[in-house]
Amino acid sequence: MVIALALLAFTPLRRWMEASMSLHMLVQFPLVVLGGYLLAGELGPRATARLQRWNAHGLTGLLAVALLLALLMIPRWLDLAWVDLRFEIAKWLALLATGGALRLSWSRAGLLGQVFFLGNTLPMTVMAGYLFIESPLRLCNAYLLDDQVTVGKGLIVACALTAITWLIQAGRLLSRQAAPKRQLQ
């Protein structure tokens, strides 16, 4: 995983992905978040236990994820990451932290915490996508208007797929939990 992240971060692949707003936000962002998610799985039990002390019921981690995603969706942040290495590094660290916090928080939050998290972050992301589509102006100086519209549509599709996937998983979990009760009756 570290090698894959290094290839993504320190080769011309990074600049190639960042040259397009849609590749930047719809491919690079999820890949780096996935990297953080997988890296968090490599934490030892002591480190995980230490981190979980501040993450009761996964709520602190999910709050951090929501805040980081909101920050990274600000178009100005993309512009700054494109021209200033400090913002680029901060972006990568924020995306890695997002993935790690998701791994450490998702199952601990339970269905109620998950629906609360998704109920806040998915509409926020859809609104950002709608803004990208409907804005007559380029929101990022570094990217073309057509690419901005593609990102907006991609964000909305990603939110719909996330919601559908979560509903299917939640339905399966609830039906498994209800099955033993039906057998007892």
C-alpha atoms as a PDB file:
ATOM      1  CA  MET A   1       0.000   0.000   0.000  1.00  0.00           C
ATOM      2  CA  VAL A   2       2.803   2.411   0.864  1.00  0.00           C
ATOM      3  CA  ILE A   3       4.448   1.719  -2.501  1.00  0.00           C
ATOM      4  CA  ALA A   4       1.169   2.392  -4.341  1.00  0.00           C
ATOM      5  CA  LEU A   5       0.701   5.657  -2.452  1.00  0.00           C
ATOM      6  CA  ALA A   6       4.315   6.668  -3.156  1.00  0.00           C
ATOM      7  CA  LEU A   7       3.783   5.966  -6.860  1.00  0.00           C
ATOM      8  CA  LEU A   8       0.653   8.074  -6.785  1.00  0.00           C
ATOM      9  CA  ALA A   9       2.323  10.922  -4.878  1.00  0.00           C
ATOM     10  CA  PHE A  10       5.870  11.142  -6.220  1.00  0.00           C
ATOM     11  CA  THR A  11       5.638  10.259  -9.887  1.00  0.00           C
ATOM     12  CA  PRO A  12       4.295  12.164 -12.917  1.00  0.00           C
ATOM     13  CA  LEU A  13       1.061  10.232 -12.314  1.00  0.00           C
ATOM     14  CA  ARG A  14       0.155  12.763  -9.622  1.00  0.00           C
ATOM     15  CA  ARG A  15       0.471  15.766 -11.953  1.00  0.00           C
ATOM     16  CA  TRP A  16      -1.357  13.870 -14.704  1.00  0.00           C
ATOM     17  CA  MET A  17      -4.309  13.241 -12.388  1.00  0.00           C
ATOM     18  CA  GLU A  18      -4.278  16.784 -11.077  1.00  0.00           C
ATOM     19  CA  ALA A  19      -4.257  18.238 -14.598  1.00  0.00           C
ATOM     20  CA  SER A  20      -7.949  17.328 -14.866  1.00  0.00           C
ATOM     21  CA  MET A  21     -10.448  18.377 -12.205  1.00  0.00           C
ATOM     22  CA  SER A  22     -12.468  15.207 -12.715  1.00  0.00           C
ATOM     23  CA  LEU A  23      -9.431  12.938 -12.348  1.00  0.00           C
ATOM     24  CA  HIS A  24      -8.274  15.011  -9.402  1.00  0.00           C
ATOM     25  CA  MET A  25     -11.524  14.872  -7.429  1.00  0.00           C
ATOM     26  CA  LEU A  26     -13.173  11.694  -8.684  1.00  0.00           C
ATOM     27  CA  VAL A  27     -10.126   9.409  -8.970  1.00  0.00           C
ATOM     28  CA  GLN A  28      -7.179  10.752  -6.959  1.00  0.00           C
ATOM     29  CA  PHE A  29      -9.216  11.760  -3.909  1.00  0.00           C
ATOM     30  CA  PRO A  30     -10.900   8.333  -3.504  1.00  0.00           C
ATOM     31  CA  LEU A  31      -7.601   6.502  -4.136  1.00  0.00           C
ATOM     32  CA  VAL A  32      -5.800   8.452  -1.415  1.00  0.00           C
ATOM     33  CA  VAL A  33      -8.735   7.988   0.987  1.00  0.00           C
ATOM     34  CA  LEU A  34      -8.610   4.256   0.216  1.00  0.00           C
ATOM     35  CA  GLY A  35      -4.880   4.346   0.957  1.00  0.00           C
ATOM     36  CA  GLY A  36      -5.552   5.938   4.352  1.00  0.00           C
ATOM     37  CA  TYR A  37      -8.257   3.363   5.004  1.00  0.00           C
ATOM     38  CA  LEU A  38      -5.885   0.484   4.257  1.00  0.00           C
ATOM     39  CA  LEU A  39      -3.000   2.038   6.194  1.00  0.00           C
ATOM     40  CA  ALA A  40      -5.237   2.362   9.263  1.00  0.00           C
ATOM     41  CA  GLY A  41      -5.736  -1.404   9.073  1.00  0.00           C
ATOM     42  CA  GLU A  42      -1.995  -1.843   9.550  1.00  0.00           C
ATOM     43  CA  LEU A  43      -2.023  -0.054  12.896  1.00  0.00           C
ATOM     44  CA  GLY A  44      -1.169  -2.293  15.799  1.00  0.00           C
ATOM     45  CA  PRO A  45      -3.674  -3.012  18.561  1.00  0.00           C
ATOM     46  CA  ARG A  46      -1.998  -0.554  20.957  1.00  0.00           C
ATOM     47  CA  ALA A  47      -2.110   2.321  18.470  1.00  0.00           C
ATOM     48  CA  THR A  48      -5.692   1.471  17.530  1.00  0.00           C
ATOM     49  CA  ALA A  49      -6.745   1.344  21.189  1.00  0.00           C
ATOM     50  CA  ARG A  50      -5.025   4.675  21.837  1.00  0.00           C
ATOM     51  CA  LEU A  51      -6.837   6.296  18.913  1.00  0.00           C
ATOM     52  CA  GLN A  52     -10.188   4.754  19.864  1.00  0.00           C
ATOM     53  CA  ARG A  53     -10.088   6.427  23.281  1.00  0.00           C
ATOM     54  CA  TRP A  54     -11.012   9.738  21.649  1.00  0.00           C
ATOM     55  CA  ASN A  55     -13.361   8.102  19.176  1.00  0.00           C
ATOM     56  CA  ALA A  56     -16.278   6.946  21.318  1.00  0.00           C
ATOM     57  CA  HIS A  57     -18.909   5.294  19.123  1.00  0.00           C
ATOM     58  CA  GLY A  58     -16.971   6.468  16.052  1.00  0.00           C
ATOM     59  CA  LEU A  59     -18.541   9.902  16.249  1.00  0.00           C
ATOM     60  CA  THR A  60     -15.347  11.928  16.583  1.00  0.00           C
ATOM     61  CA  GLY A  61     -13.825  10.178  13.603  1.00  0.00           C
ATOM     62  CA  LEU A  62     -16.902  10.634  11.437  1.00  0.00           C
ATOM     63  CA  LEU A  63     -17.099  14.303  12.430  1.00  0.00           C
ATOM     64  CA  ALA A  64     -13.450  14.699  11.396  1.00  0.00           C
ATOM     65  CA  VAL A  65     -14.219  12.997   8.068  1.00  0.00           C
ATOM     66  CA  ALA A  66     -17.176  15.316   7.419  1.00  0.00           C
ATOM     67  CA  LEU A  67     -15.115  18.418   8.210  1.00  0.00           C
ATOM     68  CA  LEU A  68     -12.155  17.325   6.107  1.00  0.00           C
ATOM     69  CA  LEU A  69     -14.358  16.471   3.128  1.00  0.00           C
ATOM     70  CA  ALA A  70     -16.134  19.822   3.405  1.00  0.00           C
ATOM     71  CA  LEU A  71     -12.793  21.613   3.470  1.00  0.00           C
ATOM     72  CA  LEU A  72     -11.427  19.706   0.494  1.00  0.00           C
ATOM     73  CA  MET A  73     -14.511  20.463  -1.625  1.00  0.00           C
ATOM     74  CA  ILE A  74     -13.791  24.186  -1.506  1.00  0.00           C
ATOM     75  CA  PRO A  75     -12.617  25.072  -5.019  1.00  0.00           C
ATOM     76  CA  ARG A  76     -10.011  27.503  -3.695  1.00  0.00           C
ATOM     77  CA  TRP A  77      -8.347  24.590  -1.911  1.00  0.00           C
ATOM     78  CA  LEU A  78      -7.885  22.762  -5.234  1.00  0.00           C
ATOM     79  CA  ASP A  79      -6.332  25.880  -6.746  1.00  0.00           C
ATOM     80  CA  LEU A  80      -3.943  26.278  -3.839  1.00  0.00           C
ATOM     81  CA  ALA A  81      -3.004  22.588  -3.888  1.00  0.00           C
ATOM     82  CA  TRP A  82      -2.182  22.974  -7.563  1.00  0.00           C
ATOM     83  CA  VAL A  83       0.276  25.856  -7.059  1.00  0.00           C
ATOM     84  CA  ASP A  84       1.529  25.585  -3.467  1.00  0.00           C
ATOM     85  CA  LEU A  85       3.300  22.466  -2.219  1.00  0.00           C
ATOM     86  CA  ARG A  86       2.256  23.154   1.384  1.00  0.00           C
ATOM     87  CA  PHE A  87      -1.425  22.902   0.440  1.00  0.00           C
ATOM     88  CA  GLU A  88      -0.718  19.836  -1.678  1.00  0.00           C
ATOM     89  CA  ILE A  89       0.899  18.099   1.293  1.00  0.00           C
ATOM     90  CA  ALA A  90      -1.948  19.202   3.570  1.00  0.00           C
ATOM     91  CA  LYS A  91      -4.457  17.838   1.031  1.00  0.00           C
ATOM     92  CA  TRP A  92      -2.741  14.451   0.976  1.00  0.00           C
ATOM     93  CA  LEU A  93      -2.519  14.286   4.759  1.00  0.00           C
ATOM     94  CA  ALA A  94      -6.196  15.274   5.066  1.00  0.00           C
ATOM     95  CA  LEU A  95      -7.251  12.592   2.569  1.00  0.00           C
ATOM     96  CA  LEU A  96      -5.148   9.937   4.313  1.00  0.00           C
ATOM     97  CA  ALA A  97      -6.585  11.003   7.681  1.00  0.00           C
ATOM     98  CA  THR A  98     -10.080  10.805   6.173  1.00  0.00           C
ATOM     99  CA  GLY A  99      -9.529   7.208   5.123  1.00  0.00           C
ATOM    100  CA  GLY A 100      -7.997   6.282   8.472  1.00  0.00           C
ATOM    101  CA  ALA A 101     -10.795   7.919  10.435  1.00  0.00           C
ATOM    102  CA  LEU A 102     -13.394   6.141   8.301  1.00  0.00           C
ATOM    103  CA  ARG A 103     -11.790   2.763   9.008  1.00  0.00           C
ATOM    104  CA  LEU A 104     -11.578   3.404  12.730  1.00  0.00           C
ATOM    105  CA  SER A 105     -15.073   4.889  13.031  1.00  0.00           C
ATOM    106  CA  TRP A 106     -17.492   3.316  10.567  1.00  0.00           C
ATOM    107  CA  SER A 107     -18.361   0.063  12.329  1.00  0.00           C
ATOM    108  CA  ARG A 108     -18.167   1.658  15.776  1.00  0.00           C
ATOM    109  CA  ALA A 109     -20.793   4.233  14.781  1.00  0.00           C
ATOM    110  CA  GLY A 110     -23.462   1.595  14.139  1.00  0.00           C
ATOM    111  CA  LEU A 111     -26.364   2.127  11.795  1.00  0.00           C
ATOM    112  CA  LEU A 112     -27.652   5.198  13.616  1.00  0.00           C
ATOM    113  CA  GLY A 113     -24.292   6.975  13.515  1.00  0.00           C
ATOM    114  CA  GLN A 114     -23.795   5.963   9.910  1.00  0.00           C
ATOM    115  CA  VAL A 115     -27.177   7.294   8.809  1.00  0.00           C
ATOM    116  CA  PHE A 116     -26.527  10.539  10.674  1.00  0.00           C
ATOM    117  CA  PHE A 117     -23.127  10.877   8.982  1.00  0.00           C
ATOM    118  CA  LEU A 118     -24.451  10.028   5.518  1.00  0.00           C
ATOM    119  CA  GLY A 119     -27.519  12.204   6.082  1.00  0.00           C
ATOM    120  CA  ASN A 120     -25.210  15.180   6.506  1.00  0.00           C
ATOM    121  CA  THR A 121     -22.323  14.513   4.137  1.00  0.00           C
ATOM    122  CA  LEU A 122     -24.233  13.191   1.125  1.00  0.00           C
ATOM    123  CA  PRO A 123     -26.553  16.224   0.789  1.00  0.00           C
ATOM    124  CA  MET A 124     -23.532  18.515   1.294  1.00  0.00           C
ATOM    125  CA  THR A 125     -21.710  16.711  -1.504  1.00  0.00           C
ATOM    126  CA  VAL A 126     -24.771  16.774  -3.772  1.00  0.00           C
ATOM    127  CA  MET A 127     -25.075  20.534  -3.224  1.00  0.00           C
ATOM    128  CA  ALA A 128     -21.396  20.989  -4.096  1.00  0.00           C
ATOM    129  CA  GLY A 129     -21.959  18.905  -7.220  1.00  0.00           C
ATOM    130  CA  TYR A 130     -25.022  20.952  -8.136  1.00  0.00           C
ATOM    131  CA  LEU A 131     -23.005  24.148  -7.628  1.00  0.00           C
ATOM    132  CA  PHE A 132     -20.277  22.812  -9.920  1.00  0.00           C
ATOM    133  CA  ILE A 133     -22.888  22.016 -12.595  1.00  0.00           C
ATOM    134  CA  GLU A 134     -24.955  25.189 -12.400  1.00  0.00           C
ATOM    135  CA  SER A 135     -22.267  27.802 -11.903  1.00  0.00           C
ATOM    136  CA  PRO A 136     -21.782  29.848 -15.088  1.00  0.00           C
ATOM    137  CA  LEU A 137     -18.268  30.670 -13.905  1.00  0.00           C
ATOM    138  CA  ARG A 138     -15.261  28.503 -13.329  1.00  0.00           C
ATOM    139  CA  LEU A 139     -14.955  27.922  -9.594  1.00  0.00           C
ATOM    140  CA  CYS A 140     -11.340  26.754  -9.877  1.00  0.00           C
ATOM    141  CA  ASN A 141      -8.877  28.845 -11.814  1.00  0.00           C
ATOM    142  CA  ALA A 142      -6.855  25.792 -12.770  1.00  0.00           C
ATOM    143  CA  TYR A 143      -9.666  23.881 -14.501  1.00  0.00           C
ATOM    144  CA  LEU A 144     -12.037  24.320 -17.428  1.00  0.00           C
ATOM    145  CA  LEU A 145     -15.793  24.804 -17.040  1.00  0.00           C
ATOM    146  CA  ASP A 146     -16.598  21.523 -18.861  1.00  0.00           C
ATOM    147  CA  ASP A 147     -14.442  19.587 -16.426  1.00  0.00           C
ATOM    148  CA  GLN A 148     -16.164  21.336 -13.522  1.00  0.00           C
ATOM    149  CA  VAL A 149     -19.564  20.167 -14.830  1.00  0.00           C
ATOM    150  CA  THR A 150     -18.215  16.605 -15.145  1.00  0.00           C
ATOM    151  CA  VAL A 151     -17.059  16.724 -11.508  1.00  0.00           C
ATOM    152  CA  GLY A 152     -20.471  17.987 -10.414  1.00  0.00           C
ATOM    153  CA  LYS A 153     -22.241  15.127 -12.154  1.00  0.00           C
ATOM    154  CA  GLY A 154     -19.678  12.653 -10.807  1.00  0.00           C
ATOM    155  CA  LEU A 155     -20.180  13.848  -7.233  1.00  0.00           C
ATOM    156  CA  ILE A 156     -23.941  13.427  -7.518  1.00  0.00           C
ATOM    157  CA  VAL A 157     -23.591   9.920  -9.011  1.00  0.00           C
ATOM    158  CA  ALA A 158     -21.073   8.968  -6.311  1.00  0.00           C
ATOM    159  CA  CYS A 159     -23.501  10.114  -3.612  1.00  0.00           C
ATOM    160  CA  ALA A 160     -26.352   8.110  -5.157  1.00  0.00           C
ATOM    161  CA  LEU A 161     -24.172   4.980  -5.379  1.00  0.00           C
ATOM    162  CA  THR A 162     -22.979   5.449  -1.794  1.00  0.00           C
ATOM    163  CA  ALA A 163     -26.542   5.802  -0.518  1.00  0.00           C
ATOM    164  CA  ILE A 164     -27.756   2.742  -2.469  1.00  0.00           C
ATOM    165  CA  THR A 165     -24.789   0.645  -1.287  1.00  0.00           C
ATOM    166  CA  TRP A 166     -25.359   1.658   2.324  1.00  0.00           C
ATOM    167  CA  LEU A 167     -29.092   0.925   2.111  1.00  0.00           C
ATOM    168  CA  ILE A 168     -28.408  -2.559   0.722  1.00  0.00           C
ATOM    169  CA  GLN A 169     -25.867  -3.311   3.454  1.00  0.00           C
ATOM    170  CA  ALA A 170     -28.109  -1.928   6.194  1.00  0.00           C
ATOM    171  CA  GLY A 171     -31.054  -3.962   4.863  1.00  0.00           C
ATOM    172  CA  ARG A 172     -28.967  -7.141   4.901  1.00  0.00           C
ATOM    173  CA  LEU A 173     -27.742  -6.460   8.425  1.00  0.00           C
ATOM    174  CA  LEU A 174     -31.225  -5.745   9.729  1.00  0.00           C
ATOM    175  CA  SER A 175     -32.680  -8.838   8.046  1.00  0.00           C
ATOM    176  CA  ARG A 176     -29.910 -11.014   9.572  1.00  0.00           C
ATOM    177  CA  GLN A 177     -30.644  -9.548  12.997  1.00  0.00           C
ATOM    178  CA  ALA A 178     -34.368 -10.160  12.580  1.00  0.00           C
ATOM    179  CA  ALA A 179     -33.962 -13.763  11.335  1.00  0.00           C
ATOM    180  CA  PRO A 180     -33.233 -15.370  14.768  1.00  0.00           C
ATOM    181  CA  LYS A 181     -36.210 -13.551  16.280  1.00  0.00           C
ATOM    182  CA  ARG A 182     -38.498 -14.978  13.583  1.00  0.00           C
ATOM    183  CA  GLN A 183     -37.200 -18.503  14.242  1.00  0.00           C
ATOM    184  CA  LEU A 184     -37.995 -18.197  17.952  1.00  0.00           C
ATOM    185  CA  GLN A 185     -41.598 -17.193  17.280  1.00  0.00           C
END
